[in-house]
Every structure is written in C-alpha cells, then in structure tokens.
C-alpha atoms as a PDB file:
ATOM      1  CA  MET A   1       2.499  11.928 -17.426  1.00  0.00           C
ATOM      2  CA  ASP A   2      -0.880  10.287 -17.171  1.00  0.00           C
ATOM      3  CA  VAL A   3      -1.663   7.588 -14.585  1.00  0.00           C
ATOM      4  CA  LYS A   4      -4.825   5.506 -14.605  1.00  0.00           C
ATOM      5  CA  PHE A   5      -5.945   2.659 -12.335  1.00  0.00           C
ATOM      6  CA  ILE A   6      -6.804  -0.526 -14.183  1.00  0.00           C
ATOM      7  CA  THR A   7      -7.276  -2.567 -10.990  1.00  0.00           C
ATOM      8  CA  LYS A   8      -7.373  -1.282  -7.426  1.00  0.00           C
ATOM      9  CA  GLU A   9      -7.982  -3.903  -4.773  1.00  0.00           C
ATOM     10  CA  LYS A  10      -6.495  -4.377  -1.321  1.00  0.00           C
ATOM     11  CA  ASN A  11      -3.807  -6.793  -2.469  1.00  0.00           C
ATOM     12  CA  THR A  12      -3.579  -5.908  -6.169  1.00  0.00           C
ATOM     13  CA  VAL A  13      -2.895  -2.677  -8.001  1.00  0.00           C
ATOM     14  CA  GLU A  14      -2.481  -2.362 -11.749  1.00  0.00           C
ATOM     15  CA  ILE A  15      -1.882   1.092 -13.193  1.00  0.00           C
ATOM     16  CA  GLU A  16      -1.352   2.342 -16.704  1.00  0.00           C
ATOM     17  CA  VAL A  17       1.380   4.968 -17.015  1.00  0.00           C
ATOM     18  CA  VAL A  18       1.563   7.079 -20.168  1.00  0.00           C
ATOM     19  CA  GLY A  19       4.206   9.658 -20.988  1.00  0.00           C
ATOM     20  CA  VAL A  20       7.210   8.230 -19.121  1.00  0.00           C
ATOM     21  CA  ASP A  21      10.099   6.035 -20.057  1.00  0.00           C
ATOM     22  CA  ILE A  22       9.982   2.497 -18.673  1.00  0.00           C
ATOM     23  CA  SER A  23      13.140   3.297 -16.677  1.00  0.00           C
ATOM     24  CA  LEU A  24      10.899   4.679 -13.924  1.00  0.00           C
ATOM     25  CA  LEU A  25       8.910   1.455 -13.860  1.00  0.00           C
ATOM     26  CA  ASN A  26      12.136  -0.582 -13.758  1.00  0.00           C
ATOM     27  CA  ALA A  27      13.296   1.379 -10.708  1.00  0.00           C
ATOM     28  CA  LEU A  28       9.919   0.956  -9.023  1.00  0.00           C
ATOM     29  CA  VAL A  29       9.840  -2.782  -9.669  1.00  0.00           C
ATOM     30  CA  GLU A  30      13.341  -3.126  -8.197  1.00  0.00           C
ATOM     31  CA  LYS A  31      12.337  -1.128  -5.113  1.00  0.00           C
ATOM     32  CA  LEU A  32       9.076  -3.059  -4.692  1.00  0.00           C
ATOM     33  CA  THR A  33      10.684  -6.475  -5.129  1.00  0.00           C
ATOM     34  CA  GLY A  34      12.639  -5.965  -1.925  1.00  0.00           C
ATOM     35  CA  SER A  35       9.673  -4.601   0.029  1.00  0.00           C
ATOM     36  CA  LYS A  36       8.033  -6.483   2.880  1.00  0.00           C
ATOM     37  CA  GLY A  37       4.682  -8.005   1.971  1.00  0.00           C
ATOM     38  CA  VAL A  38       5.164  -7.808  -1.794  1.00  0.00           C
ATOM     39  CA  GLU A  39       4.350 -11.050  -3.537  1.00  0.00           C
ATOM     40  CA  MET A  40       4.973  -9.792  -7.070  1.00  0.00           C
ATOM     41  CA  ALA A  41       5.925  -6.545  -8.798  1.00  0.00           C
ATOM     42  CA  ALA A  42       6.355  -6.219 -12.544  1.00  0.00           C
ATOM     43  CA  TYR A  43       5.570  -4.065 -15.494  1.00  0.00           C
ATOM     44  CA  LYS A  44       4.394  -5.060 -18.923  1.00  0.00           C
ATOM     45  CA  LEU A  45       4.471  -3.332 -22.256  1.00  0.00           C
ATOM     46  CA  GLU A  46       2.376  -4.986 -24.932  1.00  0.00           C
ATOM     47  CA  HIS A  47       4.181  -3.248 -27.806  1.00  0.00           C
ATOM     48  CA  PRO A  48       7.269  -1.011 -27.551  1.00  0.00           C
ATOM     49  CA  MET A  49       6.043   1.483 -30.154  1.00  0.00           C
ATOM     50  CA  VAL A  50       2.339   1.849 -29.373  1.00  0.00           C
ATOM     51  CA  GLY A  51       1.765   0.031 -26.086  1.00  0.00           C
ATOM     52  CA  LYS A  52       0.980   1.728 -22.804  1.00  0.00           C
ATOM     53  CA  PRO A  53       3.149   0.464 -19.926  1.00  0.00           C
ATOM     54  CA  LYS A  54       1.335  -1.102 -16.991  1.00  0.00           C
ATOM     55  CA  LEU A  55       2.704  -1.600 -13.476  1.00  0.00           C
ATOM     56  CA  ILE A  56       1.332  -4.535 -11.467  1.00  0.00           C
ATOM     57  CA  VAL A  57       1.841  -4.918  -7.719  1.00  0.00           C
ATOM     58  CA  LYS A  58       0.501  -7.875  -5.731  1.00  0.00           C
ATOM     59  CA  THR A  59       0.871  -8.133  -1.994  1.00  0.00           C
ATOM     60  CA  LYS A  60       0.180 -10.880   0.510  1.00  0.00           C
ATOM     61  CA  GLY A  61      -1.458 -10.908   3.912  1.00  0.00           C
ATOM     62  CA  ALA A  62      -2.397  -7.585   5.467  1.00  0.00           C
ATOM     63  CA  SER A  63      -0.137  -5.522   3.173  1.00  0.00           C
ATOM     64  CA  ASP A  64      -2.113  -2.978   1.151  1.00  0.00           C
ATOM     65  CA  ALA A  65      -0.825  -2.797  -2.435  1.00  0.00           C
ATOM     66  CA  SER A  66      -1.549   0.933  -2.839  1.00  0.00           C
ATOM     67  CA  ALA A  67       0.226   1.784   0.417  1.00  0.00           C
ATOM     68  CA  VAL A  68       3.246  -0.344  -0.502  1.00  0.00           C
ATOM     69  CA  LEU A  69       3.441   1.363  -3.903  1.00  0.00           C
ATOM     70  CA  ALA A  70       3.185   4.831  -2.326  1.00  0.00           C
ATOM     71  CA  LYS A  71       5.977   3.953   0.123  1.00  0.00           C
ATOM     72  CA  ALA A  72       8.201   2.690  -2.707  1.00  0.00           C
ATOM     73  CA  LEU A  73       7.623   5.943  -4.609  1.00  0.00           C
ATOM     74  CA  ASP A  74       8.618   7.962  -1.523  1.00  0.00           C
ATOM     75  CA  GLU A  75      11.781   5.869  -1.086  1.00  0.00           C
ATOM     76  CA  LEU A  76      12.670   6.241  -4.763  1.00  0.00           C
ATOM     77  CA  GLU A  77      12.217  10.008  -4.514  1.00  0.00           C
ATOM     78  CA  SER A  78      14.465  10.087  -1.443  1.00  0.00           C
ATOM     79  CA  ASP A  79      17.137   7.993  -3.194  1.00  0.00           C
ATOM     80  CA  THR A  80      17.031  10.315  -6.196  1.00  0.00           C
ATOM     81  CA  GLU A  81      17.394  13.433  -4.037  1.00  0.00           C
ATOM     82  CA  GLU A  82      20.355  11.897  -2.179  1.00  0.00           C
ATOM     83  CA  PHE A  83      22.055  11.045  -5.483  1.00  0.00           C
ATOM     84  CA  LYS A  84      21.395  14.553  -6.805  1.00  0.00           C
ATOM     85  CA  LYS A  85      22.991  16.141  -3.714  1.00  0.00           C
ATOM     86  CA  LYS A  86      26.064  13.915  -3.910  1.00  0.00           C
ATOM     87  CA  PHE A  87      26.455  14.485  -7.621  1.00  0.00           C
ATOM     88  CA  SER A  88      26.031  18.251  -7.286  1.00  0.00           C
ATOM     89  CA  GLY A  89      28.688  18.235  -4.554  1.00  0.00           C
ATOM     90  CA  MET A  90      31.116  16.488  -6.863  1.00  0.00           C
ATOM     91  CA  LEU A  91      30.699  19.203  -9.488  1.00  0.00           C
ATOM     92  CA  LYS A  92      31.855  21.986  -7.157  1.00  0.00           C
END
C-alpha cells in the first residue's frame, strides 16, 4: 500500500491511496461521517481500472482533519480486532 498526501491543511486532508481495495475507504468514510467535527468525508475514484483512489476529509471549527482521520483509523482497527476475536470464538 502506498499513501501520499495531496492536500494537508488544518481542516482539509486529501490523500491518495494505492494498492488497496476501495472497501477500506468505504469503511473509513462511514466511520468519519459519524465523527464529531467532520464536515465532509468521501472518496473519489476517477476511473475504476486505472484511477488512484483519493480520500478527502474536511472538518469544521477547531477539529484537525489529520487527527480526526488518525482517530477513525484507530477505531476501525479496534472494530476489526473485536470482530476477529468474536469470529474466531465461533469457530471453536
């Protein structure tokens, strides 16, 4: 996976993510949409075959877009670990 900042400002972050399925970006957008201080979270893919997906996060007020994105990633990781534990328990 390759991640590159396109825009990095206090209230706006746009990153290009190469080498992952857009399912990760869908999950992040869902997590970010419910986060405090987030004005807008979305991803765009110019072309499904050759485009590079971009994640855009815009915050309002004192909310720092990079910090909000980092928190959403931590929460998503925690959710995934919890699911993995519950699923593994079901297999025993």
